[in-house]
Amino acid sequence: MKIPIRQLALCALFAALTAVLSQVALPIGPVPINLATLGVLLAGALLGARLGALSQLVYVLMGAFGMPVFAFFRGGFDVISGPTGGFIVGYIAAAWLVGLVAQRQPEKRILLAVLIAGASSYFLLGSLWFMYSLDATFAHTLAVCVLPFIPGDAAKIAAVMVIEKRVGFRG
């Protein structure tokens, strides 16, 4: 599979954007609030499924191999295998899902729905992994991994809608 240099550069740019946005973080509990998901959703909306997912795979691999790209300048496989690792791995699925629909159906009402579905995908994967790794209950997981993040993710989705409207799909 050959990928043109321009597309590789865009993947690298969105991996770096996610890494930078990940550092804008608030430690509210076991799962920090950060802006990484803004980069994830933008990658899918602007790059499409394949390149959006690839950009997030690069981000995840950089962190897994020890680069301090995760929240609070952390990196390493222990972060991926830890309680928040499911959210990070879920970024790949979210970018792919958002990109898949964005490249096929760029209508705004559909994009809004798919951004919500993309966010739901990292919430689902992250919550399932959190429950498994900590043997947490569903209620506890919902309280610490989902509910505190809904207002911020709603704002991120709104921001992606505005940015996508101005920039447009480039995948």
Protein backbone atom coordinates (compact mmCIF):
# COMPACT_ATOMS: atom_id res chain seq x y z
CA MET A 1 0.00 0.00 0.00
CA LYS A 2 1.60 3.20 -1.18
CA ILE A 3 0.62 6.39 0.57
CA PRO A 4 1.61 9.71 -1.05
CA ILE A 5 3.96 11.95 0.94
CA ARG A 6 1.27 14.64 1.38
CA GLN A 7 -1.06 12.12 3.01
CA LEU A 8 1.71 10.78 5.25
CA ALA A 9 2.48 14.34 6.31
CA LEU A 10 -1.19 14.90 7.18
CA CYS A 11 -1.22 11.70 9.25
CA ALA A 12 1.90 12.85 11.10
CA LEU A 13 0.37 16.29 11.62
CA PHE A 14 -2.80 14.87 13.16
CA ALA A 15 -0.84 12.43 15.32
CA ALA A 16 1.19 15.40 16.58
CA LEU A 17 -1.96 17.49 17.05
CA THR A 18 -3.51 14.75 19.17
CA ALA A 19 -0.30 14.52 21.22
CA VAL A 20 -0.26 18.28 21.86
CA LEU A 21 -3.97 18.43 22.66
CA SER A 22 -3.55 15.50 25.03
CA GLN A 23 -1.37 17.70 27.24
CA VAL A 24 -4.19 20.17 27.83
CA ALA A 25 -5.51 18.03 30.67
CA LEU A 26 -7.28 18.18 34.00
CA PRO A 27 -6.71 15.37 36.52
CA ILE A 28 -10.26 14.75 37.76
CA GLY A 29 -9.87 11.08 38.65
CA PRO A 30 -8.58 7.91 37.06
CA VAL A 31 -9.46 9.23 33.58
CA PRO A 32 -8.29 12.81 32.95
CA ILE A 33 -10.24 15.33 30.94
CA ASN A 34 -8.12 16.40 27.98
CA LEU A 35 -8.44 17.76 24.48
CA ALA A 36 -6.98 14.72 22.69
CA THR A 37 -10.41 13.66 21.48
CA LEU A 38 -10.71 16.96 19.59
CA GLY A 39 -7.73 15.85 17.50
CA VAL A 40 -9.23 12.38 17.09
CA LEU A 41 -12.57 13.63 15.81
CA LEU A 42 -10.91 16.22 13.57
CA ALA A 43 -8.64 13.56 12.08
CA GLY A 44 -11.62 11.46 11.08
CA ALA A 45 -13.71 14.39 9.83
CA LEU A 46 -10.91 15.96 7.78
CA LEU A 47 -8.77 13.02 6.69
CA GLY A 48 -11.33 10.26 6.18
CA ALA A 49 -11.42 6.74 7.55
CA ARG A 50 -8.09 5.33 6.41
CA LEU A 51 -5.88 8.35 7.04
CA GLY A 52 -7.75 9.43 10.19
CA ALA A 53 -7.33 5.98 11.72
CA LEU A 54 -3.71 5.82 10.54
CA SER A 55 -2.95 9.15 12.21
CA GLN A 56 -4.33 7.84 15.50
CA LEU A 57 -2.53 4.52 15.12
CA VAL A 58 0.70 6.53 14.79
CA TYR A 59 -0.23 8.48 17.95
CA VAL A 60 -0.97 5.27 19.89
CA LEU A 61 2.24 3.59 18.69
CA MET A 62 4.34 6.64 19.57
CA GLY A 63 2.96 6.48 23.10
CA ALA A 64 3.21 2.70 23.35
CA PHE A 65 6.89 2.89 22.44
CA GLY A 66 7.54 5.36 25.22
CA MET A 67 7.17 8.80 23.67
CA PRO A 68 5.46 11.08 26.22
CA VAL A 69 2.42 11.84 24.06
CA PHE A 70 -0.35 10.75 26.42
CA ALA A 71 -1.88 13.07 29.03
CA PHE A 72 0.59 14.51 31.53
CA PHE A 73 3.53 13.63 29.23
CA ARG A 74 3.21 9.93 29.88
CA GLY A 75 4.09 7.16 27.50
CA GLY A 76 4.81 3.47 27.45
CA PHE A 77 2.93 0.23 27.08
CA ASP A 78 1.90 0.38 30.74
CA VAL A 79 -0.36 3.33 29.90
CA ILE A 80 -1.97 1.40 27.02
CA SER A 81 -2.45 -1.67 29.20
CA GLY A 82 -3.60 0.40 32.19
CA PRO A 83 -7.16 1.40 33.05
CA THR A 84 -7.29 4.28 30.54
CA GLY A 85 -5.73 2.36 27.66
CA GLY A 86 -9.07 1.40 26.15
CA PHE A 87 -9.88 5.06 25.57
CA ILE A 88 -6.56 5.63 23.83
CA VAL A 89 -6.92 2.57 21.60
CA GLY A 90 -10.53 3.64 20.99
CA TYR A 91 -9.20 6.78 19.29
CA ILE A 92 -8.29 4.66 16.27
CA ALA A 93 -11.82 3.27 15.97
CA ALA A 94 -13.39 6.70 16.51
CA ALA A 95 -11.31 8.38 13.79
CA TRP A 96 -12.07 5.51 11.40
CA LEU A 97 -15.81 5.62 12.09
CA VAL A 98 -16.06 9.41 11.76
CA GLY A 99 -13.95 9.36 8.60
CA LEU A 100 -15.91 6.55 7.04
CA VAL A 101 -19.15 8.48 7.16
CA ALA A 102 -17.60 11.91 6.53
CA GLN A 103 -16.12 10.77 3.25
CA ARG A 104 -19.40 9.19 2.11
CA GLN A 105 -22.04 11.52 3.57
CA PRO A 106 -20.67 15.02 4.28
CA GLU A 107 -24.13 16.39 5.16
CA LYS A 108 -23.95 18.29 8.43
CA ARG A 109 -26.77 16.49 10.23
CA ILE A 110 -25.17 13.16 9.39
CA LEU A 111 -21.75 14.45 10.44
CA LEU A 112 -23.16 15.47 13.82
CA ALA A 113 -24.61 11.99 14.33
CA VAL A 114 -21.38 10.29 13.34
CA LEU A 115 -19.29 12.54 15.59
CA ILE A 116 -21.52 11.45 18.45
CA ALA A 117 -21.10 7.82 17.35
CA GLY A 118 -17.32 8.32 17.14
CA ALA A 119 -17.20 9.71 20.66
CA SER A 120 -19.42 6.85 21.80
CA SER A 121 -16.95 4.35 20.33
CA TYR A 122 -14.04 5.54 22.48
CA PHE A 123 -16.34 5.80 25.48
CA LEU A 124 -17.49 2.22 24.91
CA LEU A 125 -14.03 0.73 24.35
CA GLY A 126 -12.53 2.77 27.15
CA SER A 127 -15.28 1.96 29.63
CA LEU A 128 -15.20 -1.75 28.86
CA TRP A 129 -11.43 -1.86 29.34
CA PHE A 130 -11.68 0.25 32.52
CA MET A 131 -14.30 -2.14 33.96
CA TYR A 132 -12.18 -5.16 33.04
CA SER A 133 -8.83 -3.84 34.25
CA LEU A 134 -10.13 -2.54 37.58
CA ASP A 135 -13.02 -4.98 38.08
CA ALA A 136 -15.22 -1.90 38.36
CA THR A 137 -19.00 -1.90 38.32
CA PHE A 138 -20.98 -0.46 35.44
CA ALA A 139 -22.35 2.34 37.66
CA HIS A 140 -18.88 3.33 38.88
CA THR A 141 -17.48 3.25 35.36
CA LEU A 142 -20.31 5.40 34.05
CA ALA A 143 -19.78 7.89 36.89
CA VAL A 144 -16.02 8.29 36.37
CA CYS A 145 -15.51 7.50 32.68
CA VAL A 146 -18.53 8.88 30.85
CA LEU A 147 -20.74 11.38 32.67
CA PRO A 148 -18.03 13.97 33.54
CA PHE A 149 -16.91 14.03 29.90
CA ILE A 150 -20.21 14.61 28.13
CA PRO A 151 -20.25 18.44 28.34
CA GLY A 152 -16.66 18.72 27.12
CA ASP A 153 -17.19 16.25 24.31
CA ALA A 154 -20.32 18.15 23.25
CA ALA A 155 -18.18 21.29 22.99
CA LYS A 156 -15.49 19.39 21.04
CA ILE A 157 -18.11 18.04 18.64
CA ALA A 158 -19.42 21.57 18.09
CA ALA A 159 -15.86 22.77 17.43
CA VAL A 160 -15.28 19.97 14.91
CA MET A 161 -18.52 20.90 13.14
CA VAL A 162 -17.36 24.52 12.82
CA ILE A 163 -13.84 23.61 11.72
CA GLU A 164 -15.04 20.99 9.23
CA LYS A 165 -17.46 23.51 7.72
CA ARG A 166 -14.60 25.98 7.19
CA VAL A 167 -11.96 23.51 6.06
CA GLY A 168 -14.10 20.82 4.48
CA PHE A 169 -13.37 17.15 4.04
CA ARG A 170 -9.87 16.59 2.61
CA GLY A 171 -9.59 12.79 2.75
